[in-house]
């Protein structure tokens, strides 16, 4: 079995950013993504107003180069203005050629 070392980028953000974030990560080189609803509490507390919508968790498996581009874009355009967090994990992927 061939395992390929890649990066799992996870972004937790306001749901109103979903379309924009999907376009960004694809433009920056991601071949695909997964989005799931997300709930929790962070430095900004618990979101209490229903009309704001849920948070989303966007996950994408990418090369290190693409991961760094995504994080840079988030730092420049999203972190200062929105409730967004992101983190990167090392992953070993079967059929990794699909992601680069």
C-alpha atoms as a PDB file:
ATOM      1  CA  UNK A   1       0.000   0.000   0.000  1.00  0.00           C
ATOM      2  CA  UNK A   2       1.360   3.409  -0.978  1.00  0.00           C
ATOM      3  CA  UNK A   3       0.842   6.142   1.596  1.00  0.00           C
ATOM      4  CA  UNK A   4       1.438   9.772   0.672  1.00  0.00           C
ATOM      5  CA  UNK A   5       2.236  12.407   3.320  1.00  0.00           C
ATOM      6  CA  UNK A   6      -0.109  15.382   2.902  1.00  0.00           C
ATOM      7  CA  UNK A   7      -1.722  18.123   4.995  1.00  0.00           C
ATOM      8  CA  UNK A   8      -5.271  18.236   6.322  1.00  0.00           C
ATOM      9  CA  UNK A   9      -6.369  21.873   6.543  1.00  0.00           C
ATOM     10  CA  UNK A  10      -9.405  22.437   8.760  1.00  0.00           C
ATOM     11  CA  UNK A  11     -11.231  25.764   8.766  1.00  0.00           C
ATOM     12  CA  UNK A  12     -14.054  26.518  11.201  1.00  0.00           C
ATOM     13  CA  UNK A  13     -16.005  29.587  10.151  1.00  0.00           C
ATOM     14  CA  UNK A  14     -19.332  31.357  10.058  1.00  0.00           C
ATOM     15  CA  UNK A  15     -21.675  29.604   7.619  1.00  0.00           C
ATOM     16  CA  UNK A  16     -22.168  32.807   5.636  1.00  0.00           C
ATOM     17  CA  UNK A  17     -18.561  32.378   4.439  1.00  0.00           C
ATOM     18  CA  UNK A  18     -19.091  28.884   3.003  1.00  0.00           C
ATOM     19  CA  UNK A  19     -19.324  29.760  -0.696  1.00  0.00           C
ATOM     20  CA  UNK A  20     -16.477  32.267  -0.495  1.00  0.00           C
ATOM     21  CA  UNK A  21     -14.170  29.872   1.393  1.00  0.00           C
ATOM     22  CA  UNK A  22     -14.881  27.033  -1.043  1.00  0.00           C
ATOM     23  CA  UNK A  23     -13.987  29.295  -3.975  1.00  0.00           C
ATOM     24  CA  UNK A  24     -10.798  30.436  -2.189  1.00  0.00           C
ATOM     25  CA  UNK A  25      -9.444  26.985  -1.315  1.00  0.00           C
ATOM     26  CA  UNK A  26     -10.148  25.691  -4.820  1.00  0.00           C
ATOM     27  CA  UNK A  27      -8.505  28.751  -6.396  1.00  0.00           C
ATOM     28  CA  UNK A  28      -5.483  28.214  -4.144  1.00  0.00           C
ATOM     29  CA  UNK A  29      -5.050  24.614  -5.334  1.00  0.00           C
ATOM     30  CA  UNK A  30      -7.342  22.288  -3.360  1.00  0.00           C
ATOM     31  CA  UNK A  31      -8.832  19.521  -5.507  1.00  0.00           C
ATOM     32  CA  UNK A  32     -11.786  18.918  -3.197  1.00  0.00           C
ATOM     33  CA  UNK A  33     -13.219  19.575   0.245  1.00  0.00           C
ATOM     34  CA  UNK A  34     -15.698  18.352   2.839  1.00  0.00           C
ATOM     35  CA  UNK A  35     -18.063  20.611   4.763  1.00  0.00           C
ATOM     36  CA  UNK A  36     -19.868  19.660   7.969  1.00  0.00           C
ATOM     37  CA  UNK A  37     -21.849  21.714  10.493  1.00  0.00           C
ATOM     38  CA  UNK A  38     -19.860  22.781  13.555  1.00  0.00           C
ATOM     39  CA  UNK A  39     -20.862  23.932  17.032  1.00  0.00           C
ATOM     40  CA  UNK A  40     -18.824  24.926  20.042  1.00  0.00           C
ATOM     41  CA  UNK A  41     -17.453  27.731  22.138  1.00  0.00           C
ATOM     42  CA  UNK A  42     -14.302  29.739  21.631  1.00  0.00           C
ATOM     43  CA  UNK A  43     -12.772  33.087  22.442  1.00  0.00           C
ATOM     44  CA  UNK A  44     -15.865  34.854  21.136  1.00  0.00           C
ATOM     45  CA  UNK A  45     -18.200  32.714  23.263  1.00  0.00           C
ATOM     46  CA  UNK A  46     -21.205  30.697  22.125  1.00  0.00           C
ATOM     47  CA  UNK A  47     -23.234  32.072  19.239  1.00  0.00           C
ATOM     48  CA  UNK A  48     -26.692  32.655  20.605  1.00  0.00           C
ATOM     49  CA  UNK A  49     -28.696  34.153  17.738  1.00  0.00           C
ATOM     50  CA  UNK A  50     -30.303  31.670  15.346  1.00  0.00           C
ATOM     51  CA  UNK A  51     -30.389  34.028  12.359  1.00  0.00           C
ATOM     52  CA  UNK A  52     -26.578  34.085  12.281  1.00  0.00           C
ATOM     53  CA  UNK A  53     -26.630  30.456  11.158  1.00  0.00           C
ATOM     54  CA  UNK A  54     -24.402  27.613  12.194  1.00  0.00           C
ATOM     55  CA  UNK A  55     -20.683  27.437  11.896  1.00  0.00           C
ATOM     56  CA  UNK A  56     -19.149  25.155   9.299  1.00  0.00           C
ATOM     57  CA  UNK A  57     -16.045  23.000   9.313  1.00  0.00           C
ATOM     58  CA  UNK A  58     -14.347  22.923   5.919  1.00  0.00           C
ATOM     59  CA  UNK A  59     -11.680  20.250   5.507  1.00  0.00           C
ATOM     60  CA  UNK A  60      -9.366  19.754   2.575  1.00  0.00           C
ATOM     61  CA  UNK A  61      -6.365  17.480   1.996  1.00  0.00           C
ATOM     62  CA  UNK A  62      -3.597  19.249   0.119  1.00  0.00           C
ATOM     63  CA  UNK A  63       0.148  19.492  -0.391  1.00  0.00           C
ATOM     64  CA  UNK A  64       2.194  21.531   2.073  1.00  0.00           C
ATOM     65  CA  UNK A  65       2.544  24.318  -0.496  1.00  0.00           C
ATOM     66  CA  UNK A  66      -1.221  24.629  -0.946  1.00  0.00           C
ATOM     67  CA  UNK A  67      -1.788  24.438   2.824  1.00  0.00           C
ATOM     68  CA  UNK A  68       0.563  27.380   3.357  1.00  0.00           C
ATOM     69  CA  UNK A  69      -1.193  29.404   0.623  1.00  0.00           C
ATOM     70  CA  UNK A  70      -4.578  28.757   2.245  1.00  0.00           C
ATOM     71  CA  UNK A  71      -3.331  29.761   5.706  1.00  0.00           C
ATOM     72  CA  UNK A  72      -1.725  32.920   4.339  1.00  0.00           C
ATOM     73  CA  UNK A  73      -4.962  33.942   2.616  1.00  0.00           C
ATOM     74  CA  UNK A  74      -6.981  33.287   5.784  1.00  0.00           C
ATOM     75  CA  UNK A  75      -4.554  35.352   7.838  1.00  0.00           C
ATOM     76  CA  UNK A  76      -4.718  38.288   5.423  1.00  0.00           C
ATOM     77  CA  UNK A  77      -8.418  38.362   4.510  1.00  0.00           C
ATOM     78  CA  UNK A  78     -10.466  36.460   7.081  1.00  0.00           C
ATOM     79  CA  UNK A  79      -8.934  36.414  10.577  1.00  0.00           C
ATOM     80  CA  UNK A  80      -9.129  40.203  11.065  1.00  0.00           C
ATOM     81  CA  UNK A  81     -12.814  40.404  10.045  1.00  0.00           C
ATOM     82  CA  UNK A  82     -14.587  37.123  10.805  1.00  0.00           C
ATOM     83  CA  UNK A  83     -14.917  34.418  13.449  1.00  0.00           C
ATOM     84  CA  UNK A  84     -12.594  31.948  11.700  1.00  0.00           C
ATOM     85  CA  UNK A  85     -10.021  29.493  12.989  1.00  0.00           C
ATOM     86  CA  UNK A  86      -7.786  27.142  11.038  1.00  0.00           C
ATOM     87  CA  UNK A  87      -5.343  24.388  11.783  1.00  0.00           C
ATOM     88  CA  UNK A  88      -3.203  21.941   9.848  1.00  0.00           C
ATOM     89  CA  UNK A  89      -2.453  18.307  10.576  1.00  0.00           C
ATOM     90  CA  UNK A  90      -0.049  15.865   8.978  1.00  0.00           C
ATOM     91  CA  UNK A  91      -1.906  12.955   7.369  1.00  0.00           C
ATOM     92  CA  UNK A  92      -0.905   9.847   5.433  1.00  0.00           C
ATOM     93  CA  UNK A  93      -3.279   9.246   2.564  1.00  0.00           C
ATOM     94  CA  UNK A  94      -3.963   6.187   0.428  1.00  0.00           C
ATOM     95  CA  UNK A  95      -4.405   7.242  -3.211  1.00  0.00           C
ATOM     96  CA  UNK A  96      -2.709  10.527  -2.352  1.00  0.00           C
ATOM     97  CA  UNK A  97      -2.123  11.355  -6.010  1.00  0.00           C
ATOM     98  CA  UNK A  98      -5.790  12.434  -6.136  1.00  0.00           C
ATOM     99  CA  UNK A  99      -4.983  15.377  -3.867  1.00  0.00           C
ATOM    100  CA  UNK A 100      -1.990  16.969  -5.577  1.00  0.00           C
END
